[in-house]
Amino acid sequence: MSQQCALAAQKANCILGCIKRSVASRSREVILPLYSALVRPHLGVLHPALGSSVQDMDLLGQAQRRATKMIREMEHLSYEERLRELRLFSLEKRRLWGDLIAAFQYLKGAYKKDGERLFNRACSDRTRGNGFKLKEGRFRLDIRKTFLMMRVVKHWNRLPREVVDIPPLEAFKVRLERPLSNLILLKMSLLFAGRVKQLTLLEHVHRRATKMIRGLEYLFYEG
């Protein structure tokens, strides 16, 4: 967990506490503009060019969870339902949205000249998917995985052709909404699959450890 994110989360929670103590109304029309103007800027400390850990995202996400739960008639809804009702992005979705917007600017927008040095086009005759695929680079240090140039490649390559081929930035933002939701679902499913695999390995170690104890070799393992 980075110190920068810890301080940002602390500031966001302090401001939420002040809003809760000083504002009597809990209506959407009052709380949501206050959150957008005073709290959310502190949750955007993760610049698209920098990496972030899962712990940082979870810590910052807690402040948004708390803010959405302050709104009247939202207390008993799940976090995902609250976001949908308030038309807000989760921080992870907002981060991925920022990554893809930045990539578009470097590849086709205002920073195209700089993008030619940062990204490599994939040389392929395959027509499946979009026609502007990027090449995944190789690296020795794991920290490079968090760089924008590495982090955004897989997500960019999964975008459909009708999203990538459109030139204006504003039109790209509009068409990005539905594919972005699909990318988040795919990312979460891959993360869940990785955690299941990790738990399976830990379970295997636990089974082996219990079987090493004398007198327990022939007993049935029940977790």
Protein backbone atom coordinates (compact mmCIF):
# COMPACT_ATOMS: atom_id res chain seq x y z
CA MET A 1 0.00 0.00 0.00
CA SER A 2 1.48 3.34 -1.03
CA GLN A 3 1.67 6.28 1.34
CA GLN A 4 0.14 8.52 -1.31
CA CYS A 5 -3.01 6.41 -1.52
CA ALA A 6 -3.26 6.07 2.26
CA LEU A 7 -3.16 9.87 2.64
CA ALA A 8 -5.71 10.33 -0.15
CA ALA A 9 -8.10 7.84 1.45
CA GLN A 10 -7.66 9.56 4.82
CA LYS A 11 -8.50 12.98 3.32
CA ALA A 12 -11.51 11.58 1.49
CA ASN A 13 -12.87 9.97 4.65
CA CYS A 14 -12.30 13.16 6.66
CA ILE A 15 -14.29 15.17 4.11
CA LEU A 16 -17.06 12.58 4.13
CA GLY A 17 -17.17 12.86 7.92
CA CYS A 18 -17.51 16.64 7.69
CA ILE A 19 -20.32 16.30 5.15
CA LYS A 20 -22.13 13.80 7.35
CA ARG A 21 -21.89 16.03 10.43
CA SER A 22 -22.71 19.37 8.78
CA VAL A 23 -25.27 18.48 6.09
CA ALA A 24 -28.70 17.43 7.31
CA SER A 25 -30.06 16.32 3.95
CA ARG A 26 -29.27 12.84 2.63
CA SER A 27 -30.92 13.30 -0.75
CA ARG A 28 -29.16 12.36 -3.98
CA GLU A 29 -29.38 15.95 -5.21
CA VAL A 30 -27.33 17.17 -2.23
CA ILE A 31 -24.84 14.38 -1.43
CA LEU A 32 -23.84 13.40 -4.97
CA PRO A 33 -22.66 16.90 -6.07
CA LEU A 34 -20.75 17.28 -2.79
CA TYR A 35 -19.08 13.91 -3.31
CA SER A 36 -18.21 14.71 -6.95
CA ALA A 37 -16.76 18.13 -6.10
CA LEU A 38 -15.02 17.50 -2.76
CA VAL A 39 -14.27 13.78 -2.40
CA ARG A 40 -13.80 12.17 -5.80
CA PRO A 41 -10.81 14.36 -6.78
CA HIS A 42 -8.88 12.78 -3.89
CA LEU A 43 -9.72 9.30 -5.19
CA GLY A 44 -8.17 10.10 -8.57
CA VAL A 45 -4.58 10.24 -7.30
CA LEU A 46 -3.64 7.20 -9.42
CA HIS A 47 -2.44 8.77 -12.65
CA PRO A 48 -2.91 6.53 -15.74
CA ALA A 49 0.86 6.54 -16.33
CA LEU A 50 1.54 5.09 -12.88
CA GLY A 51 0.87 1.65 -11.48
CA SER A 52 -1.37 0.73 -8.57
CA SER A 53 -1.81 -2.28 -6.34
CA VAL A 54 -5.04 -4.09 -5.50
CA GLN A 55 -4.66 -2.86 -1.91
CA ASP A 56 -4.54 0.76 -3.09
CA MET A 57 -7.66 0.36 -5.21
CA ASP A 58 -9.54 -1.35 -2.36
CA LEU A 59 -8.53 1.35 0.11
CA LEU A 60 -9.69 4.17 -2.15
CA GLY A 61 -12.81 2.24 -3.10
CA GLN A 62 -13.92 2.11 0.54
CA ALA A 63 -14.39 5.90 0.52
CA GLN A 64 -16.67 5.69 -2.53
CA ARG A 65 -18.61 2.84 -0.94
CA ARG A 66 -19.12 4.95 2.18
CA ALA A 67 -20.21 7.99 0.17
CA THR A 68 -22.81 6.13 -1.89
CA LYS A 69 -24.21 4.52 1.25
CA MET A 70 -24.83 7.96 2.82
CA ILE A 71 -27.56 8.71 0.26
CA ARG A 72 -31.12 8.14 1.41
CA GLU A 73 -32.80 4.97 0.11
CA MET A 74 -29.42 3.59 -1.00
CA GLU A 75 -28.42 2.09 2.37
CA HIS A 76 -29.79 -1.40 1.70
CA LEU A 77 -28.65 -1.74 -1.90
CA SER A 78 -25.45 -3.52 -2.88
CA TYR A 79 -22.48 -1.44 -3.97
CA GLU A 80 -22.95 -2.39 -7.63
CA GLU A 81 -26.65 -1.44 -7.47
CA ARG A 82 -25.81 1.90 -5.89
CA LEU A 83 -23.30 2.67 -8.64
CA ARG A 84 -25.85 1.77 -11.29
CA GLU A 85 -28.57 3.92 -9.71
CA LEU A 86 -26.21 6.90 -9.32
CA ARG A 87 -24.60 6.36 -12.74
CA LEU A 88 -21.12 6.20 -11.24
CA PHE A 89 -18.10 4.13 -12.26
CA SER A 90 -16.32 1.92 -9.79
CA LEU A 91 -12.75 3.14 -9.26
CA GLU A 92 -11.41 0.14 -11.16
CA LYS A 93 -13.70 0.88 -14.12
CA ARG A 94 -12.81 4.56 -13.95
CA ARG A 95 -9.10 3.65 -13.95
CA LEU A 96 -9.46 1.38 -16.98
CA TRP A 97 -11.50 4.06 -18.74
CA GLY A 98 -8.69 6.56 -18.11
CA ASP A 99 -6.10 4.06 -19.38
CA LEU A 100 -7.96 3.51 -22.66
CA ILE A 101 -8.56 7.23 -23.16
CA ALA A 102 -4.85 7.92 -22.60
CA ALA A 103 -3.93 5.11 -25.03
CA PHE A 104 -6.27 6.57 -27.66
CA GLN A 105 -4.65 9.98 -27.27
CA TYR A 106 -1.19 8.47 -27.76
CA LEU A 107 -2.20 6.24 -30.68
CA LYS A 108 -4.68 8.37 -32.61
CA GLY A 109 -5.13 11.66 -30.82
CA ALA A 110 -3.23 14.73 -29.71
CA TYR A 111 -0.09 12.85 -28.59
CA LYS A 112 0.26 10.59 -31.63
CA LYS A 113 3.91 11.47 -32.26
CA ASP A 114 4.87 10.49 -28.71
CA GLY A 115 2.76 7.35 -28.95
CA GLU A 116 4.85 6.04 -31.83
CA ARG A 117 7.77 5.74 -29.41
CA LEU A 118 5.73 4.30 -26.52
CA PHE A 119 3.62 1.64 -28.30
CA ASN A 120 4.41 -0.94 -30.97
CA ARG A 121 1.84 -2.01 -33.56
CA ALA A 122 1.42 -5.76 -33.92
CA CYS A 123 2.24 -7.05 -37.40
CA SER A 124 -0.61 -9.41 -38.16
CA ASP A 125 -2.91 -10.17 -41.10
CA ARG A 126 -5.67 -11.52 -38.84
CA THR A 127 -8.97 -9.71 -39.29
CA ARG A 128 -10.56 -10.81 -36.03
CA GLY A 129 -11.09 -7.98 -33.54
CA ASN A 130 -9.91 -4.45 -34.22
CA GLY A 131 -7.36 -3.67 -36.90
CA PHE A 132 -5.13 -1.60 -34.62
CA LYS A 133 -3.70 -4.21 -32.29
CA LEU A 134 -0.66 -3.51 -30.12
CA LYS A 135 2.32 -5.72 -29.50
CA GLU A 136 2.94 -6.93 -25.97
CA GLY A 137 6.47 -6.17 -24.87
CA ARG A 138 8.80 -8.41 -22.90
CA PHE A 139 10.38 -7.29 -19.66
CA ARG A 140 12.46 -8.71 -16.83
CA LEU A 141 11.13 -6.65 -13.92
CA ASP A 142 7.58 -7.24 -12.64
CA ILE A 143 7.19 -3.54 -11.88
CA ARG A 144 6.99 -2.87 -15.63
CA LYS A 145 3.64 -4.66 -15.67
CA THR A 146 2.12 -1.64 -13.94
CA PHE A 147 3.27 0.84 -16.60
CA LEU A 148 0.55 2.20 -18.86
CA MET A 149 2.34 1.00 -22.00
CA MET A 150 2.19 -2.59 -20.70
CA ARG A 151 -0.99 -2.51 -18.66
CA VAL A 152 -3.34 -1.27 -21.36
CA VAL A 153 -2.25 -3.48 -24.28
CA LYS A 154 -4.47 -6.51 -23.58
CA HIS A 155 -7.52 -4.36 -22.90
CA TRP A 156 -6.94 -2.28 -26.05
CA ASN A 157 -6.59 -5.40 -28.20
CA ARG A 158 -9.95 -6.71 -26.91
CA LEU A 159 -11.85 -3.61 -28.04
CA PRO A 160 -14.11 -4.13 -31.09
CA ARG A 161 -13.24 -2.59 -34.44
CA GLU A 162 -16.12 -0.08 -34.38
CA VAL A 163 -14.71 1.47 -31.19
CA VAL A 164 -11.04 1.66 -32.15
CA ASP A 165 -11.51 2.81 -35.74
CA ILE A 166 -13.56 5.89 -34.87
CA PRO A 167 -11.31 9.00 -34.97
CA PRO A 168 -12.83 11.72 -32.70
CA LEU A 169 -12.05 11.37 -29.00
CA GLU A 170 -15.59 12.26 -27.89
CA ALA A 171 -17.09 9.58 -30.15
CA PHE A 172 -14.55 7.07 -28.80
CA LYS A 173 -15.68 7.86 -25.23
CA VAL A 174 -19.32 7.30 -26.15
CA ARG A 175 -18.70 3.95 -27.87
CA LEU A 176 -16.38 2.76 -25.10
CA GLU A 177 -19.15 2.34 -22.48
CA ARG A 178 -20.42 -1.15 -23.36
CA PRO A 179 -17.02 -2.76 -24.19
CA LEU A 180 -15.65 -1.28 -20.96
CA SER A 181 -18.23 -3.16 -18.87
CA ASN A 182 -17.32 -6.39 -20.67
CA LEU A 183 -13.60 -5.81 -20.02
CA ILE A 184 -14.27 -5.31 -16.30
CA LEU A 185 -16.28 -8.55 -16.14
CA LEU A 186 -13.50 -10.42 -17.95
CA LYS A 187 -10.86 -8.94 -15.65
CA MET A 188 -12.83 -9.92 -12.53
CA SER A 189 -13.39 -13.48 -13.81
CA LEU A 190 -9.66 -13.90 -14.50
CA LEU A 191 -8.85 -12.54 -11.05
CA PHE A 192 -11.34 -14.95 -9.46
CA ALA A 193 -9.89 -17.87 -11.42
CA GLY A 194 -6.40 -16.92 -10.22
CA ARG A 195 -7.55 -16.79 -6.61
CA VAL A 196 -9.28 -20.19 -6.92
CA LYS A 197 -6.06 -21.68 -8.28
CA GLN A 198 -4.08 -20.14 -5.42
CA LEU A 199 -6.52 -21.51 -2.83
CA THR A 200 -6.29 -24.96 -4.45
CA LEU A 201 -2.49 -24.93 -4.09
CA LEU A 202 -2.76 -23.87 -0.44
CA GLU A 203 -5.30 -26.61 0.20
CA HIS A 204 -2.91 -29.16 -1.31
CA VAL A 205 -0.13 -28.00 1.03
CA HIS A 206 -2.50 -28.22 4.01
CA ARG A 207 -3.56 -31.76 3.08
CA ARG A 208 0.07 -32.83 2.81
CA ALA A 209 0.99 -31.24 6.15
CA THR A 210 -1.81 -33.00 8.04
CA LYS A 211 -0.88 -36.34 6.48
CA MET A 212 2.67 -36.03 7.85
CA ILE A 213 1.41 -36.35 11.45
CA ARG A 214 1.83 -39.81 12.94
CA GLY A 215 -1.44 -41.60 13.44
CA LEU A 216 -3.31 -39.48 10.88
CA GLU A 217 -1.95 -41.04 7.68
CA TYR A 218 -5.01 -43.22 7.06
CA LEU A 219 -7.70 -40.78 8.17
CA PHE A 220 -9.93 -39.00 5.69
CA TYR A 221 -9.18 -35.29 5.06
CA GLU A 222 -12.17 -33.02 5.54
CA GLY A 223 -11.54 -29.25 5.22
